[in-house]
Amino acid sequence: MTLSGVTVAADFKDVSFFFDDNRVVGQYSTCRVQVSMKTSLGTGCFVRVVFPNEFAFDSQLTSFTGSGFLRPQFGSTINMFENNAATRTFAFEACRSTWGQDPSGSVTFAKVKNPDYIRETQSFQI
């Protein structure tokens, strides 16, 4: 996908993933992705999160909330412009409430289904 006006790729300082429950296979959990950037961000940046193949999404995944630079302009509920459960890809516009030098924030996905068996997963992409 090509987005006009995007001139600088993201430069991450730190990325962390947190799950409420990652010990029970096949159960729903809440996943939070916490991001801290090295680079200043301008208003209206775009974020895409791709979960590994081992995670499943269904109609239970209905809540996406953000904080910091990942928080939408009004409220905390994120409006996804790409929400594809089949490819586990979620994309949205960020940097509406907070942006600038050294931004940090988090996005929370409610009811992500844990893999059906215990194993090391592939990588997340942001």
N, C-alpha and C. Protein backbone atom coordinates (compact mmCIF):
# COMPACT_ATOMS: atom_id res chain seq x y z
N MET A 1 0.85 -1.17 0.00
CA MET A 1 0.00 0.00 0.00
C MET A 1 0.89 1.23 0.00
N THR A 2 0.54 2.20 -0.78
CA THR A 2 1.27 3.45 -0.85
C THR A 2 0.42 4.55 -0.23
N LEU A 3 1.00 5.29 0.68
CA LEU A 3 0.31 6.40 1.31
C LEU A 3 1.04 7.68 0.96
N SER A 4 0.34 8.63 0.37
CA SER A 4 0.98 9.89 0.02
C SER A 4 1.37 10.64 1.28
N GLY A 5 2.49 11.33 1.22
CA GLY A 5 2.94 12.13 2.35
C GLY A 5 3.77 11.36 3.36
N VAL A 6 3.91 10.03 3.20
CA VAL A 6 4.73 9.25 4.12
C VAL A 6 6.15 9.31 3.61
N THR A 7 7.01 9.98 4.37
CA THR A 7 8.38 10.20 3.91
C THR A 7 9.42 9.54 4.80
N VAL A 8 9.07 9.19 6.03
CA VAL A 8 10.03 8.62 6.96
C VAL A 8 9.44 7.36 7.58
N ALA A 9 10.19 6.28 7.53
CA ALA A 9 9.74 5.04 8.17
C ALA A 9 9.91 5.17 9.68
N ALA A 10 9.16 4.36 10.41
CA ALA A 10 9.22 4.39 11.87
C ALA A 10 10.59 3.92 12.35
N ASP A 11 11.00 4.47 13.46
CA ASP A 11 12.24 4.08 14.11
C ASP A 11 11.91 3.78 15.56
N PHE A 12 11.83 2.49 15.90
CA PHE A 12 11.37 2.07 17.22
C PHE A 12 12.48 2.13 18.25
N LYS A 13 12.14 2.62 19.44
CA LYS A 13 13.02 2.57 20.59
C LYS A 13 12.76 1.28 21.35
N ASP A 14 11.46 0.97 21.54
CA ASP A 14 11.08 -0.22 22.31
C ASP A 14 9.68 -0.66 21.91
N VAL A 15 9.48 -1.96 21.79
CA VAL A 15 8.16 -2.55 21.52
C VAL A 15 7.97 -3.71 22.49
N SER A 16 6.85 -3.73 23.19
CA SER A 16 6.54 -4.81 24.14
C SER A 16 5.14 -5.32 23.89
N PHE A 17 4.95 -6.62 24.10
CA PHE A 17 3.64 -7.26 23.97
C PHE A 17 3.25 -7.85 25.31
N PHE A 18 2.02 -7.62 25.71
CA PHE A 18 1.52 -8.13 26.97
C PHE A 18 0.20 -8.86 26.73
N PHE A 19 0.06 -10.04 27.30
CA PHE A 19 -1.18 -10.81 27.23
C PHE A 19 -1.70 -11.01 28.64
N ASP A 20 -3.01 -10.83 28.82
CA ASP A 20 -3.60 -11.09 30.14
C ASP A 20 -3.40 -12.55 30.52
N ASP A 21 -3.57 -13.44 29.56
CA ASP A 21 -3.44 -14.87 29.84
C ASP A 21 -2.82 -15.56 28.63
N ASN A 22 -1.55 -15.91 28.74
CA ASN A 22 -0.90 -16.61 27.64
C ASN A 22 -0.58 -18.05 27.99
N ARG A 23 -1.19 -18.54 29.07
CA ARG A 23 -0.90 -19.90 29.53
C ARG A 23 -2.01 -20.89 29.21
N VAL A 24 -3.18 -20.41 28.81
CA VAL A 24 -4.30 -21.30 28.52
C VAL A 24 -4.53 -21.31 27.01
N VAL A 25 -4.28 -22.47 26.39
CA VAL A 25 -4.41 -22.57 24.94
C VAL A 25 -5.86 -22.47 24.51
N GLY A 26 -6.07 -21.88 23.35
CA GLY A 26 -7.40 -21.81 22.75
C GLY A 26 -8.38 -20.89 23.45
N GLN A 27 -7.94 -20.13 24.45
CA GLN A 27 -8.83 -19.23 25.18
C GLN A 27 -8.60 -17.79 24.73
N TYR A 28 -9.59 -16.95 25.01
CA TYR A 28 -9.48 -15.54 24.65
C TYR A 28 -8.66 -14.79 25.69
N SER A 29 -7.86 -13.86 25.21
CA SER A 29 -7.03 -13.03 26.07
C SER A 29 -7.05 -11.61 25.53
N THR A 30 -6.63 -10.68 26.35
CA THR A 30 -6.46 -9.30 25.91
C THR A 30 -4.99 -9.09 25.62
N CYS A 31 -4.69 -8.52 24.47
CA CYS A 31 -3.30 -8.27 24.05
C CYS A 31 -3.08 -6.77 24.00
N ARG A 32 -1.99 -6.32 24.62
CA ARG A 32 -1.62 -4.91 24.57
C ARG A 32 -0.23 -4.79 23.95
N VAL A 33 -0.11 -3.92 22.96
CA VAL A 33 1.16 -3.65 22.31
C VAL A 33 1.59 -2.26 22.75
N GLN A 34 2.74 -2.18 23.40
CA GLN A 34 3.26 -0.90 23.89
C GLN A 34 4.46 -0.52 23.04
N VAL A 35 4.44 0.71 22.51
CA VAL A 35 5.46 1.15 21.56
C VAL A 35 6.07 2.47 22.04
N SER A 36 7.38 2.57 21.91
CA SER A 36 8.08 3.83 22.16
C SER A 36 8.96 4.08 20.93
N MET A 37 8.90 5.31 20.41
CA MET A 37 9.59 5.65 19.17
C MET A 37 10.85 6.46 19.43
N LYS A 38 11.85 6.29 18.56
CA LYS A 38 13.07 7.10 18.59
C LYS A 38 12.88 8.39 17.81
N THR A 39 12.03 8.33 16.80
CA THR A 39 11.87 9.41 15.85
C THR A 39 10.65 10.25 16.16
N SER A 40 10.75 11.54 15.94
CA SER A 40 9.58 12.41 16.07
C SER A 40 8.54 12.01 15.04
N LEU A 41 7.29 12.07 15.42
CA LEU A 41 6.19 11.73 14.53
C LEU A 41 5.32 12.95 14.29
N GLY A 42 4.84 13.08 13.08
CA GLY A 42 3.92 14.16 12.75
C GLY A 42 2.49 13.72 12.94
N THR A 43 1.57 14.66 12.99
CA THR A 43 0.17 14.34 13.16
C THR A 43 -0.33 13.48 12.00
N GLY A 44 -1.18 12.53 12.30
CA GLY A 44 -1.77 11.67 11.28
C GLY A 44 -0.88 10.55 10.79
N CYS A 45 -0.01 9.99 11.64
CA CYS A 45 0.80 8.86 11.22
C CYS A 45 -0.09 7.61 11.09
N PHE A 46 0.40 6.59 10.43
CA PHE A 46 -0.36 5.36 10.22
C PHE A 46 0.36 4.20 10.90
N VAL A 47 -0.42 3.27 11.48
CA VAL A 47 0.13 2.10 12.17
C VAL A 47 -0.55 0.86 11.61
N ARG A 48 0.26 -0.18 11.36
CA ARG A 48 -0.29 -1.48 10.95
C ARG A 48 0.31 -2.53 11.89
N VAL A 49 -0.54 -3.38 12.45
CA VAL A 49 -0.11 -4.47 13.32
C VAL A 49 -0.53 -5.78 12.65
N VAL A 50 0.43 -6.70 12.49
CA VAL A 50 0.15 -8.01 11.92
C VAL A 50 0.52 -9.05 12.96
N PHE A 51 -0.48 -9.84 13.38
CA PHE A 51 -0.25 -10.90 14.35
C PHE A 51 0.31 -12.14 13.66
N PRO A 52 1.07 -12.98 14.39
CA PRO A 52 1.58 -14.22 13.81
C PRO A 52 0.44 -15.16 13.38
N ASN A 53 0.77 -16.10 12.50
CA ASN A 53 -0.21 -17.07 11.99
C ASN A 53 -0.89 -17.88 13.08
N GLU A 54 -0.22 -18.07 14.19
CA GLU A 54 -0.75 -18.94 15.24
C GLU A 54 -1.95 -18.35 15.98
N PHE A 55 -2.19 -17.06 15.84
CA PHE A 55 -3.31 -16.42 16.53
C PHE A 55 -4.54 -16.39 15.64
N ALA A 56 -5.70 -16.56 16.27
CA ALA A 56 -6.96 -16.57 15.52
C ALA A 56 -7.83 -15.40 15.96
N PHE A 57 -8.62 -14.87 15.03
CA PHE A 57 -9.54 -13.79 15.32
C PHE A 57 -10.90 -14.16 14.80
N ASP A 58 -11.92 -13.82 15.56
CA ASP A 58 -13.29 -14.08 15.13
C ASP A 58 -14.16 -12.91 15.57
N SER A 59 -15.47 -13.12 15.56
CA SER A 59 -16.40 -12.03 15.89
C SER A 59 -16.26 -11.55 17.33
N GLN A 60 -15.57 -12.29 18.19
CA GLN A 60 -15.37 -11.87 19.58
C GLN A 60 -14.44 -10.67 19.68
N LEU A 61 -13.54 -10.51 18.69
CA LEU A 61 -12.60 -9.40 18.71
C LEU A 61 -13.32 -8.14 18.24
N THR A 62 -13.82 -7.37 19.19
CA THR A 62 -14.63 -6.20 18.83
C THR A 62 -14.08 -4.91 19.39
N SER A 63 -13.08 -4.96 20.25
CA SER A 63 -12.62 -3.75 20.92
C SER A 63 -11.15 -3.46 20.61
N PHE A 64 -10.89 -2.26 20.11
CA PHE A 64 -9.54 -1.78 19.88
C PHE A 64 -9.44 -0.42 20.55
N THR A 65 -8.57 -0.28 21.52
CA THR A 65 -8.41 1.01 22.19
C THR A 65 -6.95 1.42 22.17
N GLY A 66 -6.70 2.72 22.24
CA GLY A 66 -5.34 3.21 22.19
C GLY A 66 -5.08 4.29 23.23
N SER A 67 -3.80 4.46 23.54
CA SER A 67 -3.39 5.52 24.46
C SER A 67 -2.12 6.16 23.90
N GLY A 68 -1.76 7.33 24.42
CA GLY A 68 -0.57 8.04 23.95
C GLY A 68 -0.72 8.42 22.49
N PHE A 69 0.35 8.26 21.69
CA PHE A 69 0.25 8.65 20.29
C PHE A 69 -0.63 7.69 19.48
N LEU A 70 -0.97 6.54 20.05
CA LEU A 70 -1.87 5.59 19.39
C LEU A 70 -3.34 5.85 19.73
N ARG A 71 -3.59 6.88 20.52
CA ARG A 71 -4.96 7.24 20.89
C ARG A 71 -5.58 8.08 19.79
N PRO A 72 -6.81 7.77 19.39
CA PRO A 72 -7.49 8.59 18.39
C PRO A 72 -7.76 10.00 18.91
N GLN A 73 -8.18 10.86 18.02
CA GLN A 73 -8.38 12.26 18.37
C GLN A 73 -9.48 12.44 19.42
N PHE A 74 -10.57 11.71 19.28
CA PHE A 74 -11.68 11.83 20.22
C PHE A 74 -11.94 10.47 20.85
N GLY A 75 -11.79 10.37 22.18
CA GLY A 75 -12.01 9.10 22.86
C GLY A 75 -10.81 8.19 22.73
N SER A 76 -11.02 6.91 23.03
CA SER A 76 -9.91 5.96 22.97
C SER A 76 -10.17 4.82 21.99
N THR A 77 -11.39 4.73 21.42
CA THR A 77 -11.72 3.65 20.50
C THR A 77 -11.12 3.94 19.12
N ILE A 78 -10.36 2.99 18.60
CA ILE A 78 -9.66 3.15 17.34
C ILE A 78 -10.56 2.78 16.16
N ASN A 79 -10.55 3.62 15.14
CA ASN A 79 -11.28 3.35 13.91
C ASN A 79 -10.30 2.73 12.91
N MET A 80 -10.45 1.43 12.67
CA MET A 80 -9.56 0.71 11.77
C MET A 80 -9.92 0.99 10.31
N PHE A 81 -8.94 1.29 9.47
CA PHE A 81 -9.23 1.35 8.04
C PHE A 81 -8.87 0.02 7.38
N GLU A 82 -8.16 -0.83 8.11
CA GLU A 82 -7.94 -2.21 7.66
C GLU A 82 -8.14 -3.11 8.86
N ASN A 83 -9.10 -4.00 8.76
CA ASN A 83 -9.42 -4.93 9.84
C ASN A 83 -9.70 -6.27 9.18
N ASN A 84 -8.63 -7.05 8.98
CA ASN A 84 -8.73 -8.29 8.25
C ASN A 84 -8.38 -9.46 9.16
N ALA A 85 -9.40 -10.11 9.70
CA ALA A 85 -9.18 -11.23 10.63
C ALA A 85 -8.50 -12.40 9.94
N ALA A 86 -8.76 -12.60 8.65
CA ALA A 86 -8.17 -13.73 7.93
C ALA A 86 -6.64 -13.61 7.85
N THR A 87 -6.14 -12.39 7.65
CA THR A 87 -4.69 -12.19 7.58
C THR A 87 -4.12 -11.65 8.88
N ARG A 88 -4.98 -11.48 9.90
CA ARG A 88 -4.59 -10.99 11.22
C ARG A 88 -3.92 -9.62 11.13
N THR A 89 -4.42 -8.76 10.21
CA THR A 89 -3.84 -7.45 9.95
C THR A 89 -4.80 -6.34 10.36
N PHE A 90 -4.28 -5.38 11.10
CA PHE A 90 -5.07 -4.25 11.58
C PHE A 90 -4.27 -2.98 11.31
N ALA A 91 -4.90 -2.00 10.67
CA ALA A 91 -4.22 -0.74 10.37
C ALA A 91 -5.14 0.42 10.71
N PHE A 92 -4.55 1.50 11.20
CA PHE A 92 -5.33 2.66 11.62
C PHE A 92 -4.47 3.91 11.60
N GLU A 93 -5.13 5.06 11.60
CA GLU A 93 -4.43 6.33 11.69
C GLU A 93 -4.22 6.65 13.17
N ALA A 94 -3.00 7.01 13.51
CA ALA A 94 -2.65 7.38 14.89
C ALA A 94 -2.19 8.83 14.91
N CYS A 95 -1.49 9.22 15.95
CA CYS A 95 -0.90 10.56 16.07
C CYS A 95 -1.95 11.65 15.89
N ARG A 96 -3.12 11.46 16.46
CA ARG A 96 -4.17 12.47 16.38
C ARG A 96 -4.26 13.28 17.68
N SER A 97 -4.00 12.65 18.81
CA SER A 97 -4.06 13.35 20.09
C SER A 97 -2.68 13.77 20.57
N THR A 98 -1.69 12.91 20.34
CA THR A 98 -0.33 13.15 20.81
C THR A 98 0.64 12.77 19.70
N TRP A 99 1.66 13.56 19.49
CA TRP A 99 2.70 13.23 18.54
C TRP A 99 3.90 14.08 18.88
N GLY A 100 4.95 13.98 18.11
CA GLY A 100 6.12 14.81 18.36
C GLY A 100 7.32 13.97 18.72
N GLN A 101 8.24 14.57 19.46
CA GLN A 101 9.49 13.92 19.79
C GLN A 101 9.29 12.85 20.86
N ASP A 102 9.95 11.72 20.69
CA ASP A 102 9.92 10.59 21.64
C ASP A 102 8.51 10.17 22.03
N PRO A 103 7.61 9.95 21.07
CA PRO A 103 6.26 9.54 21.45
C PRO A 103 6.22 8.09 21.92
N SER A 104 5.27 7.81 22.78
CA SER A 104 5.02 6.43 23.20
C SER A 104 3.52 6.25 23.34
N GLY A 105 3.08 5.01 23.28
CA GLY A 105 1.66 4.72 23.40
C GLY A 105 1.42 3.23 23.36
N SER A 106 0.16 2.85 23.48
CA SER A 106 -0.19 1.44 23.43
C SER A 106 -1.51 1.26 22.73
N VAL A 107 -1.70 0.08 22.17
CA VAL A 107 -2.97 -0.30 21.56
C VAL A 107 -3.37 -1.64 22.18
N THR A 108 -4.65 -1.76 22.53
CA THR A 108 -5.16 -2.96 23.19
C THR A 108 -6.19 -3.64 22.30
N PHE A 109 -6.00 -4.92 22.09
CA PHE A 109 -6.93 -5.75 21.33
C PHE A 109 -7.63 -6.66 22.33
N ALA A 110 -8.94 -6.51 22.49
CA ALA A 110 -9.69 -7.35 23.43
C ALA A 110 -10.14 -8.63 22.73
N LYS A 111 -9.99 -9.74 23.39
CA LYS A 111 -10.43 -11.07 22.94
C LYS A 111 -9.69 -11.58 21.71
N VAL A 112 -8.37 -11.64 21.85
CA VAL A 112 -7.52 -12.33 20.88
C VAL A 112 -7.49 -13.79 21.31
N LYS A 113 -7.68 -14.71 20.38
CA LYS A 113 -7.70 -16.13 20.76
C LYS A 113 -6.29 -16.69 20.78
N ASN A 114 -5.90 -17.24 21.92
CA ASN A 114 -4.58 -17.86 22.06
C ASN A 114 -4.45 -19.03 21.10
N PRO A 115 -3.20 -19.36 20.68
CA PRO A 115 -2.99 -20.54 19.82
C PRO A 115 -3.56 -21.80 20.49
N ASP A 116 -3.86 -22.80 19.67
CA ASP A 116 -4.47 -24.04 20.16
C ASP A 116 -3.49 -24.99 20.82
N TYR A 117 -2.22 -24.69 20.79
CA TYR A 117 -1.23 -25.54 21.44
C TYR A 117 -0.02 -24.68 21.82
N ILE A 118 0.78 -25.17 22.74
CA ILE A 118 1.94 -24.42 23.22
C ILE A 118 3.10 -24.61 22.26
N ARG A 119 3.64 -23.49 21.81
CA ARG A 119 4.80 -23.50 20.94
C ARG A 119 5.30 -22.07 20.76
N GLU A 120 6.49 -21.92 20.27
CA GLU A 120 7.02 -20.60 19.96
C GLU A 120 6.31 -20.09 18.72
N THR A 121 5.87 -18.84 18.76
CA THR A 121 5.14 -18.27 17.63
C THR A 121 6.06 -17.52 16.70
N GLN A 122 5.55 -17.20 15.53
CA GLN A 122 6.28 -16.36 14.61
C GLN A 122 6.30 -14.95 15.16
N SER A 123 6.87 -14.02 14.44
CA SER A 123 7.02 -12.65 14.91
C SER A 123 5.78 -11.80 14.64
N PHE A 124 5.57 -10.84 15.51
CA PHE A 124 4.60 -9.77 15.27
C PHE A 124 5.25 -8.76 14.34
N GLN A 125 4.44 -8.06 13.56
CA GLN A 125 4.96 -7.00 12.71
C GLN A 125 4.21 -5.71 13.04
N ILE A 126 4.96 -4.62 13.15
CA ILE A 126 4.36 -3.31 13.37
C ILE A 126 4.95 -2.36 12.35
